[in-house]
């Protein structure tokens, strides 16, 4: 599905619909899902500087690997979107500190292209509700391989990085 950004923004229009999950090439490589569609709802307008503003959300249910225990956990990925759409990298660099920016040179543009990056960035890293007491964590997975002790505290893999930088 493609939308004309200028027309949608000029008329403060909304787009709501379902997009086939298969149309999200990069997203489907990151998740596992039986869901056939991604739900998308977007509103277009102009901001105070006359840039196209896109607000809304995209949602999909998926199986995501827990980064603590590596087990798949069913979760809802929800991308809350609030971005400015511009036509050049130069404009994007100027706006990047004020807002999320998407560079679009084609008009009309695919809705999939507008929301895929936000969906990928919204994949949760921690999907187990009780991270420290991860229900899928089997005994032995939390071992500290340096001395064989179980690490009950938060692991900090880069804790010694500051000292290493000072030594170099």
N, C-alpha and C. Protein backbone atom coordinates (compact mmCIF):
# COMPACT_ATOMS: atom_id res chain seq x y z
N UNK A 1 0.83 -1.17 0.00
CA UNK A 1 0.00 0.00 0.00
C UNK A 1 0.88 1.24 0.00
N UNK A 2 0.60 2.16 -0.91
CA UNK A 2 1.36 3.41 -0.98
C UNK A 2 0.47 4.59 -0.65
N UNK A 3 1.10 5.62 -0.07
CA UNK A 3 0.38 6.85 0.25
C UNK A 3 1.13 8.03 -0.34
N UNK A 4 0.38 9.04 -0.71
CA UNK A 4 0.96 10.30 -1.17
C UNK A 4 1.14 11.18 0.05
N UNK A 5 2.37 11.32 0.50
CA UNK A 5 2.64 12.04 1.74
C UNK A 5 2.17 13.49 1.69
N UNK A 6 2.42 14.16 0.58
CA UNK A 6 2.02 15.57 0.48
C UNK A 6 0.51 15.72 0.59
N UNK A 7 -0.23 14.86 -0.12
CA UNK A 7 -1.70 14.94 -0.07
C UNK A 7 -2.22 14.60 1.32
N UNK A 8 -1.68 13.54 1.92
CA UNK A 8 -2.14 13.15 3.25
C UNK A 8 -1.86 14.24 4.27
N UNK A 9 -0.67 14.85 4.21
CA UNK A 9 -0.32 15.90 5.17
C UNK A 9 -1.14 17.17 4.92
N UNK A 10 -1.28 17.55 3.67
CA UNK A 10 -2.03 18.77 3.33
C UNK A 10 -3.46 18.68 3.84
N UNK A 11 -4.06 17.51 3.78
CA UNK A 11 -5.45 17.32 4.18
C UNK A 11 -5.60 16.71 5.58
N UNK A 12 -4.49 16.62 6.32
CA UNK A 12 -4.50 16.03 7.67
C UNK A 12 -5.23 14.69 7.68
N UNK A 13 -4.86 13.84 6.76
CA UNK A 13 -5.52 12.54 6.62
C UNK A 13 -4.87 11.47 7.48
N UNK A 14 -5.65 10.42 7.69
CA UNK A 14 -5.19 9.25 8.44
C UNK A 14 -5.16 8.04 7.52
N UNK A 15 -4.26 7.10 7.84
CA UNK A 15 -4.24 5.83 7.14
C UNK A 15 -4.27 4.74 8.19
N UNK A 16 -5.21 3.82 8.03
CA UNK A 16 -5.33 2.70 8.96
C UNK A 16 -5.55 1.45 8.14
N UNK A 17 -4.82 0.39 8.50
CA UNK A 17 -5.00 -0.86 7.78
C UNK A 17 -4.06 -1.95 8.27
N UNK A 18 -4.16 -3.08 7.59
CA UNK A 18 -3.31 -4.22 7.88
C UNK A 18 -2.40 -4.44 6.68
N UNK A 19 -1.11 -4.63 6.97
CA UNK A 19 -0.13 -4.90 5.92
C UNK A 19 0.38 -6.32 6.09
N UNK A 20 0.55 -7.05 4.98
CA UNK A 20 1.06 -8.43 5.09
C UNK A 20 2.44 -8.46 5.75
N UNK A 21 2.61 -9.34 6.71
CA UNK A 21 3.89 -9.46 7.40
C UNK A 21 5.00 -9.79 6.41
N UNK A 22 4.68 -10.49 5.34
CA UNK A 22 5.69 -10.87 4.34
C UNK A 22 6.27 -9.65 3.61
N UNK A 23 5.59 -8.52 3.65
CA UNK A 23 6.10 -7.32 2.98
C UNK A 23 7.19 -6.62 3.81
N UNK A 24 7.42 -7.06 5.03
CA UNK A 24 8.45 -6.50 5.90
C UNK A 24 9.68 -7.41 5.87
N UNK A 25 10.47 -7.28 4.81
CA UNK A 25 11.60 -8.18 4.58
C UNK A 25 12.56 -8.27 5.77
N UNK A 26 12.97 -7.14 6.31
CA UNK A 26 13.95 -7.15 7.40
C UNK A 26 13.33 -7.58 8.72
N UNK A 27 12.09 -7.19 8.97
CA UNK A 27 11.43 -7.54 10.22
C UNK A 27 11.24 -9.05 10.35
N UNK A 28 10.82 -9.72 9.28
CA UNK A 28 10.56 -11.15 9.38
C UNK A 28 11.83 -11.97 9.62
N UNK A 29 12.99 -11.38 9.35
CA UNK A 29 14.25 -12.07 9.67
C UNK A 29 14.57 -11.98 11.15
N UNK A 30 13.95 -11.05 11.86
CA UNK A 30 14.24 -10.82 13.27
C UNK A 30 13.26 -11.51 14.22
N UNK A 31 12.10 -11.88 13.73
CA UNK A 31 11.06 -12.44 14.59
C UNK A 31 10.50 -13.72 13.98
N UNK A 32 9.74 -14.42 14.79
CA UNK A 32 8.99 -15.58 14.32
C UNK A 32 7.53 -15.31 14.66
N UNK A 33 6.64 -15.50 13.68
CA UNK A 33 5.24 -15.21 13.95
C UNK A 33 4.33 -16.02 13.03
N UNK A 34 3.17 -16.34 13.56
CA UNK A 34 2.12 -16.96 12.77
C UNK A 34 1.14 -15.89 12.30
N UNK A 35 1.30 -14.69 12.81
CA UNK A 35 0.44 -13.58 12.44
C UNK A 35 0.68 -13.23 10.98
N UNK A 36 -0.38 -13.00 10.26
CA UNK A 36 -0.26 -12.70 8.84
C UNK A 36 -0.14 -11.21 8.55
N UNK A 37 -0.53 -10.36 9.52
CA UNK A 37 -0.59 -8.94 9.24
C UNK A 37 0.03 -8.11 10.36
N UNK A 38 0.47 -6.92 9.98
CA UNK A 38 0.91 -5.89 10.92
C UNK A 38 -0.18 -4.82 10.90
N UNK A 39 -0.69 -4.46 12.08
CA UNK A 39 -1.71 -3.41 12.19
C UNK A 39 -1.01 -2.06 12.23
N UNK A 40 -1.46 -1.15 11.37
CA UNK A 40 -0.84 0.17 11.29
C UNK A 40 -1.91 1.24 11.32
N UNK A 41 -1.64 2.28 12.10
CA UNK A 41 -2.52 3.45 12.14
C UNK A 41 -1.63 4.69 12.15
N UNK A 42 -1.78 5.53 11.14
CA UNK A 42 -0.94 6.72 11.00
C UNK A 42 -1.78 7.96 10.74
N UNK A 43 -1.31 9.08 11.26
CA UNK A 43 -1.94 10.38 11.00
C UNK A 43 -0.85 11.28 10.42
N UNK A 44 -1.20 12.01 9.38
CA UNK A 44 -0.26 12.90 8.71
C UNK A 44 -0.71 14.34 8.85
N UNK A 45 0.25 15.22 9.03
CA UNK A 45 -0.03 16.66 9.13
C UNK A 45 1.25 17.41 8.83
N UNK A 46 1.19 18.73 8.94
CA UNK A 46 2.39 19.55 8.84
C UNK A 46 2.71 20.08 10.23
N UNK A 47 4.00 20.10 10.56
CA UNK A 47 4.38 20.68 11.85
C UNK A 47 4.53 22.19 11.72
N UNK A 48 4.97 22.84 12.78
CA UNK A 48 5.08 24.30 12.78
C UNK A 48 6.09 24.83 11.77
N UNK A 49 7.01 23.96 11.32
CA UNK A 49 8.01 24.36 10.32
C UNK A 49 7.65 23.89 8.91
N UNK A 50 6.44 23.42 8.74
CA UNK A 50 5.91 22.97 7.45
C UNK A 50 6.50 21.65 6.95
N UNK A 51 7.15 20.89 7.86
CA UNK A 51 7.61 19.55 7.51
C UNK A 51 6.45 18.58 7.71
N UNK A 52 6.45 17.51 6.93
CA UNK A 52 5.41 16.50 7.10
C UNK A 52 5.67 15.75 8.40
N UNK A 53 4.62 15.66 9.21
CA UNK A 53 4.70 14.95 10.49
C UNK A 53 3.83 13.70 10.39
N UNK A 54 4.41 12.57 10.78
CA UNK A 54 3.69 11.30 10.79
C UNK A 54 3.66 10.78 12.22
N UNK A 55 2.46 10.54 12.73
CA UNK A 55 2.28 10.03 14.08
C UNK A 55 1.39 8.80 14.03
N UNK A 56 1.63 7.87 14.91
CA UNK A 56 0.77 6.70 14.98
C UNK A 56 1.47 5.53 15.62
N UNK A 57 1.03 4.34 15.21
CA UNK A 57 1.64 3.14 15.76
C UNK A 57 1.50 1.98 14.79
N UNK A 58 2.39 1.03 14.95
CA UNK A 58 2.36 -0.23 14.21
C UNK A 58 2.51 -1.34 15.23
N UNK A 59 1.71 -2.39 15.08
CA UNK A 59 1.67 -3.45 16.07
C UNK A 59 1.65 -4.82 15.41
N UNK A 60 2.42 -5.76 15.98
CA UNK A 60 2.41 -7.15 15.51
C UNK A 60 2.70 -8.06 16.70
N UNK A 61 2.06 -9.22 16.72
CA UNK A 61 2.32 -10.23 17.74
C UNK A 61 3.35 -11.19 17.18
N UNK A 62 4.36 -11.51 18.00
CA UNK A 62 5.45 -12.34 17.51
C UNK A 62 6.09 -13.13 18.64
N UNK A 63 6.89 -14.11 18.23
CA UNK A 63 7.74 -14.85 19.16
C UNK A 63 9.11 -14.18 19.11
N UNK A 64 9.60 -13.75 20.28
CA UNK A 64 10.88 -13.07 20.35
C UNK A 64 11.77 -13.84 21.32
N UNK A 65 13.02 -14.02 20.95
CA UNK A 65 13.95 -14.75 21.81
C UNK A 65 14.34 -13.90 23.01
N UNK A 66 14.23 -14.48 24.19
CA UNK A 66 14.68 -13.83 25.42
C UNK A 66 16.21 -13.80 25.39
N UNK A 67 16.80 -12.66 25.61
CA UNK A 67 18.25 -12.55 25.55
C UNK A 67 18.94 -13.09 26.80
N UNK A 68 18.15 -13.46 27.80
CA UNK A 68 18.73 -14.05 29.00
C UNK A 68 18.75 -15.57 28.92
N UNK A 69 17.66 -16.16 28.42
CA UNK A 69 17.59 -17.63 28.41
C UNK A 69 17.50 -18.22 27.00
N UNK A 70 17.37 -17.37 26.00
CA UNK A 70 17.29 -17.78 24.59
C UNK A 70 16.01 -18.51 24.21
N UNK A 71 15.06 -18.57 25.11
CA UNK A 71 13.77 -19.19 24.80
C UNK A 71 12.88 -18.17 24.11
N UNK A 72 12.00 -18.66 23.24
CA UNK A 72 11.06 -17.76 22.57
C UNK A 72 9.88 -17.44 23.49
N UNK A 73 9.51 -16.18 23.49
CA UNK A 73 8.41 -15.71 24.33
C UNK A 73 7.45 -14.93 23.45
N UNK A 74 6.16 -15.25 23.55
CA UNK A 74 5.15 -14.52 22.78
C UNK A 74 5.04 -13.11 23.35
N UNK A 75 5.08 -12.14 22.46
CA UNK A 75 5.00 -10.74 22.88
C UNK A 75 4.37 -9.89 21.78
N UNK A 76 3.89 -8.74 22.16
CA UNK A 76 3.37 -7.79 21.19
C UNK A 76 4.42 -6.72 20.97
N UNK A 77 4.80 -6.54 19.72
CA UNK A 77 5.75 -5.49 19.36
C UNK A 77 4.91 -4.30 18.94
N UNK A 78 5.13 -3.18 19.62
CA UNK A 78 4.36 -1.97 19.33
C UNK A 78 5.32 -0.82 19.11
N UNK A 79 5.28 -0.28 17.92
CA UNK A 79 6.11 0.87 17.59
C UNK A 79 5.26 2.13 17.67
N UNK A 80 5.61 3.01 18.58
CA UNK A 80 4.96 4.32 18.65
C UNK A 80 5.77 5.24 17.76
N UNK A 81 5.09 5.85 16.81
CA UNK A 81 5.77 6.61 15.76
C UNK A 81 5.42 8.09 15.86
N UNK A 82 6.46 8.91 15.82
CA UNK A 82 6.31 10.36 15.73
C UNK A 82 7.55 10.85 14.99
N UNK A 83 7.41 11.07 13.70
CA UNK A 83 8.57 11.40 12.87
C UNK A 83 8.26 12.52 11.90
N UNK A 84 9.32 13.19 11.48
CA UNK A 84 9.21 14.18 10.41
C UNK A 84 9.73 13.54 9.14
N UNK A 85 9.05 13.79 8.05
CA UNK A 85 9.44 13.21 6.77
C UNK A 85 10.01 14.33 5.93
N UNK A 86 11.25 14.14 5.49
CA UNK A 86 11.96 15.15 4.71
C UNK A 86 12.49 14.53 3.42
N UNK A 87 12.98 15.38 2.51
CA UNK A 87 13.40 14.90 1.20
C UNK A 87 14.91 14.81 1.02
N UNK A 88 15.71 15.22 2.01
CA UNK A 88 17.15 15.15 1.83
C UNK A 88 17.86 14.83 3.14
N UNK A 89 19.07 14.27 3.00
CA UNK A 89 19.88 13.96 4.17
C UNK A 89 20.31 15.23 4.90
N UNK A 90 20.52 16.30 4.15
CA UNK A 90 20.94 17.57 4.75
C UNK A 90 19.88 18.10 5.71
N UNK A 91 18.63 18.08 5.27
CA UNK A 91 17.53 18.53 6.14
C UNK A 91 17.41 17.58 7.34
N UNK A 92 17.57 16.30 7.09
CA UNK A 92 17.48 15.30 8.16
C UNK A 92 18.53 15.56 9.24
N UNK A 93 19.73 15.88 8.84
CA UNK A 93 20.79 16.16 9.82
C UNK A 93 20.46 17.38 10.66
N UNK A 94 19.85 18.38 10.06
CA UNK A 94 19.48 19.59 10.80
C UNK A 94 18.36 19.33 11.80
N UNK A 95 17.44 18.43 11.45
CA UNK A 95 16.29 18.14 12.32
C UNK A 95 16.53 17.01 13.31
N UNK A 96 17.57 16.24 13.12
CA UNK A 96 17.77 15.01 13.89
C UNK A 96 17.80 15.22 15.40
N UNK A 97 18.24 16.37 15.86
CA UNK A 97 18.28 16.62 17.29
C UNK A 97 16.91 16.98 17.85
N UNK A 98 16.01 17.42 16.99
CA UNK A 98 14.68 17.84 17.43
C UNK A 98 13.64 16.73 17.36
N UNK A 99 13.79 15.83 16.37
CA UNK A 99 12.76 14.82 16.15
C UNK A 99 13.33 13.64 15.39
N UNK A 100 12.59 12.52 15.40
CA UNK A 100 12.93 11.40 14.54
C UNK A 100 12.67 11.83 13.11
N UNK A 101 13.55 11.44 12.21
CA UNK A 101 13.45 11.89 10.83
C UNK A 101 13.52 10.70 9.89
N UNK A 102 12.68 10.74 8.85
CA UNK A 102 12.70 9.75 7.79
C UNK A 102 12.93 10.49 6.49
N UNK A 103 13.94 10.04 5.73
CA UNK A 103 14.21 10.66 4.43
C UNK A 103 13.47 9.86 3.38
N UNK A 104 12.61 10.55 2.63
CA UNK A 104 11.80 9.93 1.58
C UNK A 104 11.96 10.77 0.32
N UNK A 105 12.41 10.12 -0.74
CA UNK A 105 12.59 10.85 -2.01
C UNK A 105 11.49 10.52 -3.01
N UNK A 106 10.75 9.44 -2.78
CA UNK A 106 9.66 9.07 -3.69
C UNK A 106 8.32 9.51 -3.12
N UNK A 107 7.41 9.80 -4.01
CA UNK A 107 6.04 10.12 -3.60
C UNK A 107 5.13 9.61 -4.70
N UNK A 108 4.26 8.67 -4.45
CA UNK A 108 3.89 8.09 -3.17
C UNK A 108 4.96 7.11 -2.64
N UNK A 109 4.80 6.76 -1.37
CA UNK A 109 5.75 5.88 -0.69
C UNK A 109 4.98 4.75 -0.01
N UNK A 110 5.63 3.61 0.09
CA UNK A 110 5.03 2.44 0.72
C UNK A 110 4.92 2.65 2.24
N UNK A 111 3.77 2.31 2.80
CA UNK A 111 3.58 2.41 4.24
C UNK A 111 4.55 1.48 4.95
N UNK A 112 4.82 0.33 4.36
CA UNK A 112 5.79 -0.60 4.93
C UNK A 112 7.14 0.08 5.12
N UNK A 113 7.59 0.81 4.12
CA UNK A 113 8.87 1.52 4.22
C UNK A 113 8.86 2.57 5.32
N UNK A 114 7.71 3.15 5.58
CA UNK A 114 7.61 4.20 6.60
C UNK A 114 7.69 3.65 8.02
N UNK A 115 7.24 2.41 8.24
CA UNK A 115 7.13 1.91 9.62
C UNK A 115 8.08 0.76 9.97
N UNK A 116 8.71 0.15 8.98
CA UNK A 116 9.52 -1.04 9.26
C UNK A 116 10.67 -0.76 10.23
N UNK A 117 11.41 0.31 10.04
CA UNK A 117 12.52 0.61 10.95
C UNK A 117 12.04 0.78 12.39
N UNK A 118 10.92 1.47 12.57
CA UNK A 118 10.40 1.67 13.92
C UNK A 118 9.99 0.34 14.56
N UNK A 119 9.41 -0.56 13.77
CA UNK A 119 9.05 -1.87 14.30
C UNK A 119 10.29 -2.65 14.73
N UNK A 120 11.32 -2.63 13.90
CA UNK A 120 12.55 -3.35 14.24
C UNK A 120 13.17 -2.78 15.51
N UNK A 121 13.19 -1.47 15.62
CA UNK A 121 13.77 -0.85 16.83
C UNK A 121 12.90 -1.06 18.06
N UNK A 122 11.66 -1.46 17.88
CA UNK A 122 10.76 -1.68 19.00
C UNK A 122 10.74 -3.13 19.48
N UNK A 123 11.51 -4.00 18.84
CA UNK A 123 11.58 -5.38 19.30
C UNK A 123 12.21 -5.35 20.69
N UNK A 124 11.52 -5.86 21.68
CA UNK A 124 12.06 -5.78 23.04
C UNK A 124 13.27 -6.69 23.23
N UNK A 125 14.23 -6.19 23.95
CA UNK A 125 15.42 -6.97 24.24
C UNK A 125 15.13 -7.92 25.39
N UNK A 126 14.35 -7.43 26.34
CA UNK A 126 13.96 -8.24 27.49
C UNK A 126 12.48 -8.56 27.35
N UNK A 127 12.17 -9.82 27.12
CA UNK A 127 10.78 -10.19 26.93
C UNK A 127 10.20 -10.95 28.12
N UNK A 128 11.05 -11.52 28.95
CA UNK A 128 10.55 -12.20 30.15
C UNK A 128 10.11 -11.13 31.14
N UNK A 129 8.92 -11.28 31.67
CA UNK A 129 8.39 -10.27 32.59
C UNK A 129 9.22 -10.15 33.85
N UNK A 130 9.70 -11.27 34.34
CA UNK A 130 10.52 -11.26 35.56
C UNK A 130 11.95 -11.57 35.16
N UNK A 131 12.67 -10.56 34.71
CA UNK A 131 13.98 -10.75 34.12
C UNK A 131 14.94 -11.52 35.02
N UNK A 132 15.04 -11.16 36.30
CA UNK A 132 15.98 -11.84 37.19
C UNK A 132 15.53 -13.27 37.50
N UNK A 133 14.23 -13.50 37.54
CA UNK A 133 13.70 -14.83 37.79
C UNK A 133 13.10 -15.40 36.51
N UNK A 134 13.81 -15.25 35.43
CA UNK A 134 13.33 -15.69 34.12
C UNK A 134 12.81 -17.12 34.23
N UNK A 135 11.53 -17.34 33.91
CA UNK A 135 10.95 -18.67 34.08
C UNK A 135 11.57 -19.73 33.18
N UNK A 136 12.23 -19.32 32.13
CA UNK A 136 12.84 -20.28 31.21
C UNK A 136 14.31 -20.53 31.50
N UNK A 137 14.89 -19.84 32.47
CA UNK A 137 16.31 -19.97 32.76
C UNK A 137 16.55 -21.26 33.53
N UNK A 138 17.28 -22.17 32.92
CA UNK A 138 17.57 -23.43 33.60
C UNK A 138 18.83 -23.25 34.44
N UNK A 139 19.02 -24.14 35.37
CA UNK A 139 20.19 -24.04 36.24
C UNK A 139 21.45 -24.18 35.41
N UNK A 140 22.45 -23.40 35.77
CA UNK A 140 23.72 -23.47 35.05
C UNK A 140 23.89 -22.42 33.99
N UNK A 141 22.79 -21.84 33.48
CA UNK A 141 22.91 -20.83 32.44
C UNK A 141 23.41 -19.52 32.99
N UNK A 142 23.27 -19.30 34.30
CA UNK A 142 23.71 -18.04 34.88
C UNK A 142 25.10 -18.10 35.45
N UNK A 143 25.87 -19.15 35.14
CA UNK A 143 27.20 -19.30 35.69
C UNK A 143 28.17 -18.28 35.13
N UNK A 144 29.05 -17.83 35.98
CA UNK A 144 30.14 -16.98 35.56
C UNK A 144 31.26 -17.91 35.15
N UNK A 145 31.63 -17.93 33.90
CA UNK A 145 32.60 -18.90 33.39
C UNK A 145 34.03 -18.63 33.88
N UNK A 146 34.29 -17.46 34.45
CA UNK A 146 35.65 -17.17 34.90
C UNK A 146 36.00 -17.94 36.16
N UNK A 147 35.07 -18.08 37.10
CA UNK A 147 35.40 -18.76 38.34
C UNK A 147 34.39 -19.84 38.73
N UNK A 148 33.39 -20.09 37.87
CA UNK A 148 32.42 -21.15 38.11
C UNK A 148 31.32 -20.79 39.09
N UNK A 149 31.30 -19.57 39.60
CA UNK A 149 30.27 -19.16 40.54
C UNK A 149 29.04 -18.67 39.81
N UNK A 150 27.87 -18.92 40.40
CA UNK A 150 26.64 -18.41 39.83
C UNK A 150 26.54 -16.93 40.16
N UNK A 151 26.29 -16.13 39.17
CA UNK A 151 26.20 -14.67 39.34
C UNK A 151 24.75 -14.29 39.58
N UNK A 152 24.40 -13.98 40.85
CA UNK A 152 23.03 -13.59 41.16
C UNK A 152 22.80 -12.11 40.93
N UNK A 153 23.86 -11.33 40.82
CA UNK A 153 23.74 -9.90 40.60
C UNK A 153 23.61 -9.63 39.11
N UNK A 154 23.33 -8.40 38.80
CA UNK A 154 23.26 -8.00 37.40
C UNK A 154 24.62 -8.16 36.77
N UNK A 155 24.66 -8.81 35.63
CA UNK A 155 25.92 -8.99 34.94
C UNK A 155 26.27 -7.71 34.20
N UNK A 156 27.53 -7.34 34.26
CA UNK A 156 28.02 -6.13 33.60
C UNK A 156 29.21 -6.52 32.73
N UNK A 157 28.94 -6.92 31.49
CA UNK A 157 30.02 -7.43 30.65
C UNK A 157 31.08 -6.38 30.31
N UNK A 158 30.77 -5.10 30.42
CA UNK A 158 31.73 -4.06 30.07
C UNK A 158 32.26 -3.33 31.31
N UNK A 159 32.13 -3.96 32.48
CA UNK A 159 32.53 -3.31 33.72
C UNK A 159 34.00 -2.92 33.73
N UNK A 160 34.85 -3.70 33.10
CA UNK A 160 36.29 -3.42 33.11
C UNK A 160 36.74 -2.56 31.94
N UNK A 161 35.84 -2.15 31.10
CA UNK A 161 36.18 -1.39 29.91
C UNK A 161 36.89 -0.08 30.25
N UNK A 162 36.43 0.63 31.25
CA UNK A 162 37.04 1.90 31.63
C UNK A 162 38.51 1.70 31.99
N UNK A 163 38.80 0.66 32.79
CA UNK A 163 40.19 0.40 33.18
C UNK A 163 41.02 0.02 31.96
N UNK A 164 40.48 -0.77 31.07
CA UNK A 164 41.22 -1.16 29.87
C UNK A 164 41.56 0.05 29.02
N UNK A 165 40.63 1.00 28.90
CA UNK A 165 40.90 2.21 28.14
C UNK A 165 41.97 3.07 28.79
N UNK A 166 41.98 3.11 30.12
CA UNK A 166 43.01 3.88 30.83
C UNK A 166 44.38 3.26 30.64
N UNK A 167 44.43 1.92 30.61
CA UNK A 167 45.71 1.20 30.47
C UNK A 167 46.29 1.31 29.07
N UNK A 168 45.46 1.58 28.08
CA UNK A 168 45.99 1.60 26.71
C UNK A 168 46.58 2.92 26.32
